[in-house]
Amino acid sequence: MLLPRSLRLTVKGSRSFATTRHASRQPSYTCYLSAAYSPKKHRKTPTQDPEVPDTGEDAFFLTSMADADAVALGVADGVGGWSDIGVDPSLFSRALCEDLETEASAIKNVASRAGSPKSILERAFTKLVESKRVEAGSSTACVATIGLKTGTLRVANLGDSGYLLFRPSPSTPKSPLFHASSPQTHFFNAPLQLSIIPPSIRSSGHLTDHPSAAAETTHQLQHGDVVCIVTDGVTDNLSPESIASIVREEMRVCGAWTSDPSPSECTPTLPVPPGTEDHLGPGVDALARAIVIAAKKAGWNTANEVPFGREARKYGYEYEGGKPDDITVVVGLVREVREEREGGKGEGEEMGGGGGWENKARL
């Protein structure tokens, strides 16, 4: 196995978001979010802003929304081909995620049309174009919102970044994989992408797509569900089943899932055993970290069989080993909150809880 001599990975500390307490007979949810990333090449210098994540050409965001009972999260992957003409691909993806976070955090009703991930993506892209902060570039994008009152996950995905939803259930003991998005491509290794193309090169065949082309999906989340939003540095190097194995193991370790009575079956722990809630935030950090490490190792293994190589051979290309790339993962663990029942206690019982912290790890 060949690995870079300095493999560095950073985990942005998990944050816990919970619904506002109110009398209700409906479940509501707490969501633990964490992001981890590792660039293909380390491009930061001591003069660069230390607060800007070193994600290479990738970028990500996660934020609470003005609707206090909702969160938004997503990734963008700058198209590397722009570097051939002297354009830094990271400028576009970073600026897009900045505008995505701004637009999402202002949403007052996550269930509204304006609160849909596709609408957020459309406004963010329009804002980026009109601001003229970026002269040229393009990127893929995967944007999601989670309504914590209803447990509704909505996703808009454009290109070959994407998301996976994992659900522990004894009815599917072989794998907790519930859903995996499909990549959108024009042709092999040419994903759909949002672009800013200078007039001087508009006739040179650069790909450009509109946010309206993003594929939209909606899921009703359940207690114990895990959402992973990733750039193609993950999915090019790890199969959905490989990621599922990592999720199952890390959720067992932190106590979010239990494998009793059979090691091959997983169910979400309900209620949370005393003290377990203290491990959920670090557990989500560990999961994000584990996925990045596995993708990084697979990408730098010259003898590895990876999804990108299998896809390349379908189109007649010879490709061996992994695909080194920037890798970014945003993970969300959803936990049910038992709200106050009529005549019950005032505080309610939260399945989860926890605070926020920052945990950065280097390998």
Protein backbone atom coordinates (compact mmCIF):
# COMPACT_ATOMS: atom_id res chain seq x y z
CA MET A 1 0.00 0.00 0.00
CA LEU A 2 1.43 3.36 -1.02
CA LEU A 3 0.48 6.34 1.10
CA PRO A 4 1.68 9.94 1.06
CA ARG A 5 4.37 10.56 3.63
CA SER A 6 2.32 13.24 5.38
CA LEU A 7 -1.30 12.21 5.51
CA ARG A 8 -3.20 14.97 7.24
CA LEU A 9 -6.85 14.87 8.10
CA THR A 10 -8.91 17.43 9.96
CA VAL A 11 -12.18 16.86 11.77
CA LYS A 12 -14.31 19.92 12.34
CA GLY A 13 -15.94 19.42 15.75
CA SER A 14 -19.49 18.15 15.85
CA ARG A 15 -22.39 20.42 16.62
CA SER A 16 -25.73 19.38 18.05
CA PHE A 17 -28.93 20.98 16.81
CA ALA A 18 -32.27 20.32 18.54
CA THR A 19 -35.85 21.43 18.09
CA THR A 20 -37.59 23.97 20.28
CA ARG A 21 -39.53 22.19 23.03
CA HIS A 22 -43.31 22.33 22.77
CA ALA A 23 -46.31 20.15 23.62
CA SER A 24 -46.74 17.65 20.81
CA ARG A 25 -47.66 14.07 20.07
CA GLN A 26 -45.27 13.98 17.12
CA PRO A 27 -41.60 13.03 17.34
CA SER A 28 -38.93 15.62 16.70
CA TYR A 29 -35.22 15.25 16.33
CA THR A 30 -31.72 16.24 17.33
CA CYS A 31 -29.02 16.20 14.65
CA TYR A 32 -25.30 15.83 15.34
CA LEU A 33 -23.21 17.21 12.48
CA SER A 34 -19.50 16.86 11.80
CA ALA A 35 -17.21 17.45 8.82
CA ALA A 36 -13.85 15.91 7.97
CA TYR A 37 -11.56 16.51 5.02
CA SER A 38 -8.14 15.84 3.59
CA PRO A 39 -6.75 17.60 0.50
CA LYS A 40 -4.91 15.79 -2.25
CA LYS A 41 -2.17 18.41 -1.96
CA HIS A 42 -1.50 20.80 0.91
CA ARG A 43 -1.53 24.26 -0.60
CA LYS A 44 -1.80 26.45 2.47
CA THR A 45 1.08 28.68 3.49
CA PRO A 46 1.69 30.44 6.84
CA THR A 47 0.38 33.67 5.31
CA GLN A 48 -3.02 32.20 4.46
CA ASP A 49 -6.05 32.53 6.73
CA PRO A 50 -5.83 29.68 9.28
CA GLU A 51 -9.61 29.73 9.64
CA VAL A 52 -10.10 28.67 6.02
CA PRO A 53 -10.25 24.86 5.91
CA ASP A 54 -7.52 23.24 3.85
CA THR A 55 -9.94 21.24 1.71
CA GLY A 56 -8.02 21.53 -1.55
CA GLU A 57 -10.48 22.18 -4.38
CA ASP A 58 -13.40 20.94 -2.26
CA ALA A 59 -15.53 23.06 0.05
CA PHE A 60 -18.34 22.43 2.51
CA PHE A 61 -20.78 24.22 4.78
CA LEU A 62 -23.11 23.38 7.65
CA THR A 63 -25.39 25.82 9.42
CA SER A 64 -28.53 26.25 11.44
CA MET A 65 -31.29 28.10 9.62
CA ALA A 66 -33.34 31.13 10.68
CA ASP A 67 -36.05 28.53 11.12
CA ALA A 68 -34.61 27.39 14.46
CA ASP A 69 -35.82 23.85 13.86
CA ALA A 70 -33.79 23.15 10.73
CA VAL A 71 -30.21 22.73 9.55
CA ALA A 72 -28.54 22.89 6.15
CA LEU A 73 -25.36 21.21 4.98
CA GLY A 74 -23.55 20.51 1.75
CA VAL A 75 -20.39 20.13 -0.29
CA ALA A 76 -18.99 21.51 -3.54
CA ASP A 77 -16.11 20.11 -5.60
CA GLY A 78 -14.20 22.55 -7.80
CA VAL A 79 -13.49 21.17 -11.27
CA GLY A 80 -9.75 20.67 -11.45
CA GLY A 81 -9.41 21.24 -15.20
CA TRP A 82 -9.46 25.00 -14.68
CA SER A 83 -5.95 24.83 -13.26
CA ASP A 84 -4.71 24.03 -16.78
CA ILE A 85 -5.40 27.65 -17.78
CA GLY A 86 -4.19 29.21 -14.54
CA VAL A 87 -7.51 29.36 -12.66
CA ASP A 88 -7.62 28.17 -9.04
CA PRO A 89 -10.57 25.72 -8.93
CA SER A 90 -11.00 26.17 -5.18
CA LEU A 91 -12.09 29.80 -5.52
CA PHE A 92 -15.39 28.83 -7.12
CA SER A 93 -16.29 25.99 -4.74
CA ARG A 94 -15.40 28.00 -1.64
CA ALA A 95 -17.34 31.06 -2.77
CA LEU A 96 -20.34 28.92 -3.67
CA CYS A 97 -20.39 27.31 -0.21
CA GLU A 98 -20.10 30.72 1.43
CA ASP A 99 -23.18 31.87 -0.47
CA LEU A 100 -25.00 28.60 0.20
CA GLU A 101 -24.46 29.06 3.92
CA THR A 102 -25.64 32.67 3.76
CA GLU A 103 -28.78 31.80 1.82
CA ALA A 104 -29.63 28.76 3.95
CA SER A 105 -29.12 30.51 7.28
CA ALA A 106 -31.68 33.16 6.27
CA ILE A 107 -34.51 30.70 5.58
CA LYS A 108 -37.40 31.17 8.02
CA ASN A 109 -39.50 28.20 6.86
CA VAL A 110 -37.59 25.11 5.80
CA ALA A 111 -40.78 23.54 4.42
CA SER A 112 -41.39 26.43 2.01
CA ARG A 113 -40.48 26.44 -1.65
CA ALA A 114 -37.76 29.00 -0.91
CA GLY A 115 -36.39 26.61 1.70
CA SER A 116 -35.85 23.76 -0.73
CA PRO A 117 -32.21 22.84 -1.39
CA LYS A 118 -32.63 23.49 -5.11
CA SER A 119 -33.98 27.00 -4.46
CA ILE A 120 -31.13 27.68 -2.05
CA LEU A 121 -28.65 26.49 -4.68
CA GLU A 122 -30.26 28.66 -7.37
CA ARG A 123 -30.07 31.81 -5.24
CA ALA A 124 -26.52 31.11 -4.08
CA PHE A 125 -25.30 30.55 -7.64
CA THR A 126 -27.06 33.70 -8.87
CA LYS A 127 -25.51 35.67 -6.02
CA LEU A 128 -22.06 34.32 -6.86
CA VAL A 129 -22.37 35.21 -10.54
CA GLU A 130 -23.72 38.69 -9.88
CA SER A 131 -21.10 39.47 -7.23
CA LYS A 132 -18.25 38.96 -9.74
CA ARG A 133 -16.07 37.70 -6.86
CA VAL A 134 -14.95 34.81 -9.02
CA GLU A 135 -13.86 35.41 -12.61
CA ALA A 136 -13.93 31.79 -13.75
CA GLY A 137 -14.46 28.28 -12.49
CA SER A 138 -17.01 25.56 -11.92
CA SER A 139 -18.01 22.96 -9.38
CA THR A 140 -20.46 20.24 -8.52
CA ALA A 141 -22.77 20.71 -5.52
CA CYS A 142 -24.80 18.61 -3.10
CA VAL A 143 -27.06 20.57 -0.75
CA ALA A 144 -29.36 19.19 1.96
CA THR A 145 -31.77 20.47 4.58
CA ILE A 146 -33.07 18.60 7.62
CA GLY A 147 -36.29 19.73 9.28
CA LEU A 148 -35.89 18.80 12.93
CA LYS A 149 -39.60 19.04 13.76
CA THR A 150 -40.63 16.65 11.03
CA GLY A 151 -37.46 14.67 10.34
CA THR A 152 -37.67 15.55 6.65
CA LEU A 153 -34.45 15.31 4.63
CA ARG A 154 -34.44 17.15 1.30
CA VAL A 155 -31.46 17.00 -1.05
CA ALA A 156 -30.50 18.66 -4.34
CA ASN A 157 -27.52 17.06 -6.05
CA LEU A 158 -25.82 18.33 -9.20
CA GLY A 159 -22.85 16.42 -10.56
CA ASP A 160 -20.85 13.59 -9.04
CA SER A 161 -20.71 14.66 -5.43
CA GLY A 162 -23.58 13.02 -3.60
CA TYR A 163 -25.07 11.58 -0.46
CA LEU A 164 -25.79 8.28 1.24
CA LEU A 165 -28.46 7.51 3.83
CA PHE A 166 -27.92 4.68 6.31
CA ARG A 167 -30.68 3.16 8.44
CA PRO A 168 -30.11 0.46 11.05
CA SER A 169 -32.78 -2.20 10.78
CA PRO A 170 -32.97 -5.92 11.56
CA SER A 171 -34.97 -6.30 8.34
CA THR A 172 -31.82 -5.47 6.33
CA PRO A 173 -29.07 -7.24 8.31
CA LYS A 174 -26.58 -7.42 5.45
CA SER A 175 -26.22 -3.65 5.10
CA PRO A 176 -27.63 -0.50 6.70
CA LEU A 177 -27.46 1.29 3.31
CA PHE A 178 -30.91 2.77 2.66
CA HIS A 179 -30.22 5.08 -0.29
CA ALA A 180 -27.28 6.31 -2.37
CA SER A 181 -27.57 9.12 -4.90
CA SER A 182 -26.62 8.55 -8.53
CA PRO A 183 -23.96 10.75 -10.18
CA GLN A 184 -25.01 13.11 -12.95
CA THR A 185 -22.55 13.21 -15.85
CA HIS A 186 -22.36 14.47 -19.43
CA PHE A 187 -19.95 11.64 -20.19
CA PHE A 188 -17.27 9.70 -18.31
CA ASN A 189 -15.48 11.86 -15.73
CA ALA A 190 -17.40 14.96 -16.87
CA PRO A 191 -19.99 15.76 -14.19
CA LEU A 192 -22.79 18.26 -14.44
CA GLN A 193 -21.44 21.50 -13.00
CA LEU A 194 -22.22 25.11 -12.23
CA SER A 195 -19.86 27.38 -14.14
CA ILE A 196 -18.68 30.92 -14.61
CA ILE A 197 -17.05 31.14 -18.03
CA PRO A 198 -15.31 34.35 -19.14
CA PRO A 199 -16.50 35.71 -22.51
CA SER A 200 -13.04 35.19 -23.99
CA ILE A 201 -13.31 31.39 -23.75
CA ARG A 202 -17.05 30.75 -24.04
CA SER A 203 -16.64 29.20 -27.46
CA SER A 204 -14.07 26.66 -26.26
CA GLY A 205 -16.54 23.98 -25.18
CA HIS A 206 -16.54 24.42 -21.40
CA LEU A 207 -19.39 22.57 -19.70
CA THR A 208 -22.03 24.61 -17.94
CA ASP A 209 -25.28 23.62 -16.27
CA HIS A 210 -28.03 25.35 -14.31
CA PRO A 211 -29.11 24.60 -10.73
CA SER A 212 -32.48 23.53 -12.12
CA ALA A 213 -30.74 20.39 -13.41
CA ALA A 214 -30.05 19.21 -9.85
CA ALA A 215 -31.74 15.94 -8.90
CA GLU A 216 -34.11 16.38 -5.94
CA THR A 217 -34.95 13.69 -3.40
CA THR A 218 -36.88 13.64 -0.13
CA HIS A 219 -36.74 11.14 2.74
CA GLN A 220 -38.56 10.81 6.03
CA LEU A 221 -35.80 10.28 8.54
CA GLN A 222 -36.02 7.87 11.44
CA HIS A 223 -34.33 7.59 14.81
CA GLY A 224 -30.72 6.51 14.32
CA ASP A 225 -30.42 7.45 10.64
CA VAL A 226 -27.03 8.60 9.39
CA VAL A 227 -26.67 11.01 6.45
CA CYS A 228 -23.31 11.31 4.67
CA ILE A 229 -22.75 14.06 2.08
CA VAL A 230 -19.49 13.51 0.21
CA THR A 231 -17.38 14.69 -2.68
CA ASP A 232 -16.28 12.21 -5.33
CA GLY A 233 -12.97 11.70 -3.57
CA VAL A 234 -15.00 9.34 -1.38
CA THR A 235 -17.29 7.63 -3.90
CA ASP A 236 -14.55 7.19 -6.51
CA ASN A 237 -12.54 5.18 -3.99
CA LEU A 238 -15.11 3.51 -1.73
CA SER A 239 -18.20 1.55 -2.70
CA PRO A 240 -21.48 2.28 -0.87
CA GLU A 241 -21.13 -1.09 0.87
CA SER A 242 -17.63 -0.21 2.08
CA ILE A 243 -18.94 3.04 3.53
CA ALA A 244 -21.85 1.14 5.10
CA SER A 245 -19.41 -1.13 6.93
CA ILE A 246 -17.60 1.89 8.35
CA VAL A 247 -20.86 3.51 9.44
CA ARG A 248 -22.07 0.33 11.13
CA GLU A 249 -18.84 -0.11 13.08
CA GLU A 250 -18.50 3.51 14.22
CA MET A 251 -22.17 3.75 15.27
CA ARG A 252 -21.78 0.57 17.31
CA VAL A 253 -18.66 1.90 19.02
CA CYS A 254 -20.28 5.18 20.11
CA GLY A 255 -23.49 3.47 21.22
CA ALA A 256 -25.83 5.07 18.67
CA TRP A 257 -26.59 1.63 17.23
CA THR A 258 -26.70 -1.73 18.94
CA SER A 259 -25.97 -5.10 17.39
CA ASP A 260 -27.73 -7.28 19.96
CA PRO A 261 -28.54 -10.07 19.67
CA SER A 262 -26.75 -10.72 16.38
CA PRO A 263 -23.51 -9.01 15.27
CA SER A 264 -24.88 -8.90 11.71
CA GLU A 265 -27.97 -6.91 12.71
CA CYS A 266 -28.11 -3.29 13.83
CA THR A 267 -30.91 -1.31 15.43
CA PRO A 268 -30.85 2.23 16.84
CA THR A 269 -30.52 2.38 20.61
CA LEU A 270 -33.76 3.67 22.14
CA PRO A 271 -33.73 4.92 24.78
CA VAL A 272 -30.12 5.98 25.01
CA PRO A 273 -28.38 4.13 27.86
CA PRO A 274 -27.20 6.44 30.68
CA GLY A 275 -24.01 8.23 29.68
CA THR A 276 -24.19 7.14 26.05
CA GLU A 277 -25.31 10.57 24.85
CA ASP A 278 -21.90 11.94 25.85
CA HIS A 279 -20.31 9.73 23.19
CA LEU A 280 -22.57 10.62 20.27
CA GLY A 281 -20.84 13.86 19.27
CA PRO A 282 -17.35 12.33 19.35
CA GLY A 283 -18.83 9.29 17.62
CA VAL A 284 -19.97 11.40 14.69
CA ASP A 285 -16.52 13.01 14.57
CA ALA A 286 -14.98 9.54 14.52
CA LEU A 287 -17.28 8.41 11.72
CA ALA A 288 -16.43 11.38 9.49
CA ARG A 289 -12.75 10.80 10.20
CA ALA A 290 -12.95 7.06 9.49
CA ILE A 291 -14.59 7.58 6.09
CA VAL A 292 -11.94 10.10 5.05
CA ILE A 293 -9.10 7.85 6.20
CA ALA A 294 -10.51 4.85 4.33
CA ALA A 295 -11.02 6.88 1.14
CA LYS A 296 -7.53 8.37 1.42
CA LYS A 297 -5.89 4.98 1.85
CA ALA A 298 -7.86 3.48 -1.04
CA GLY A 299 -7.02 6.43 -3.28
CA TRP A 300 -3.28 6.11 -2.76
CA ASN A 301 -3.15 2.33 -3.04
CA THR A 302 -1.73 1.58 -6.49
CA ALA A 303 -2.96 -2.02 -6.41
CA ASN A 304 -6.47 -1.25 -5.26
CA GLU A 305 -9.70 -1.97 -7.15
CA VAL A 306 -11.93 1.09 -6.76
CA PRO A 307 -15.27 2.26 -8.22
CA PHE A 308 -13.56 4.87 -10.42
CA GLY A 309 -11.37 2.23 -12.06
CA ARG A 310 -14.31 -0.08 -12.69
CA GLU A 311 -16.25 2.77 -14.28
CA ALA A 312 -13.25 3.77 -16.42
CA ARG A 313 -12.95 0.28 -17.85
CA LYS A 314 -16.61 0.36 -18.88
CA TYR A 315 -15.68 3.20 -21.23
CA GLY A 316 -12.57 1.50 -22.56
CA TYR A 317 -9.98 3.23 -20.37
CA GLU A 318 -7.16 1.36 -18.67
CA TYR A 319 -7.01 2.37 -15.03
CA GLU A 320 -5.36 0.62 -12.10
CA GLY A 321 -5.22 1.49 -8.44
CA GLY A 322 -7.03 4.16 -6.47
CA LYS A 323 -7.78 7.74 -7.46
CA PRO A 324 -5.96 10.32 -5.29
CA ASP A 325 -8.23 13.31 -4.80
CA ASP A 326 -9.45 15.91 -2.33
CA ILE A 327 -11.81 14.23 0.13
CA THR A 328 -14.61 15.92 2.07
CA VAL A 329 -17.33 14.35 4.21
CA VAL A 330 -20.19 15.94 6.15
CA VAL A 331 -22.00 13.52 8.46
CA GLY A 332 -25.29 13.88 10.31
CA LEU A 333 -26.66 11.52 12.99
CA VAL A 334 -30.38 11.93 13.66
CA ARG A 335 -31.80 11.12 17.09
CA GLU A 336 -35.43 11.19 18.11
CA VAL A 337 -36.54 13.60 20.82
CA ARG A 338 -39.44 12.59 23.01
CA GLU A 339 -41.44 15.75 23.32
CA GLU A 340 -43.58 16.74 26.25
CA ARG A 341 -46.89 14.90 26.19
CA GLU A 342 -50.10 16.51 27.37
CA GLY A 343 -50.05 16.40 31.14
CA GLY A 344 -46.40 15.27 31.09
CA LYS A 345 -43.20 16.86 32.25
CA GLY A 346 -42.22 20.27 30.99
CA GLU A 347 -38.73 19.57 29.71
CA GLY A 348 -39.31 16.44 27.67
CA GLU A 349 -36.71 13.74 27.08
CA GLU A 350 -34.08 14.22 24.44
CA MET A 351 -32.67 11.21 22.68
CA GLY A 352 -29.22 12.63 22.15
CA GLY A 353 -28.31 16.04 23.52
CA GLY A 354 -24.76 17.17 23.96
CA GLY A 355 -22.96 20.37 23.22
CA GLY A 356 -20.54 21.52 20.61
CA TRP A 357 -16.78 21.25 20.53
CA GLU A 358 -13.89 21.36 18.15
CA ASN A 359 -11.66 18.39 17.54
CA LYS A 360 -8.83 18.57 15.04
CA ALA A 361 -6.69 15.54 14.38
CA ARG A 362 -3.61 15.16 12.24
CA LEU A 363 -2.13 11.89 11.07
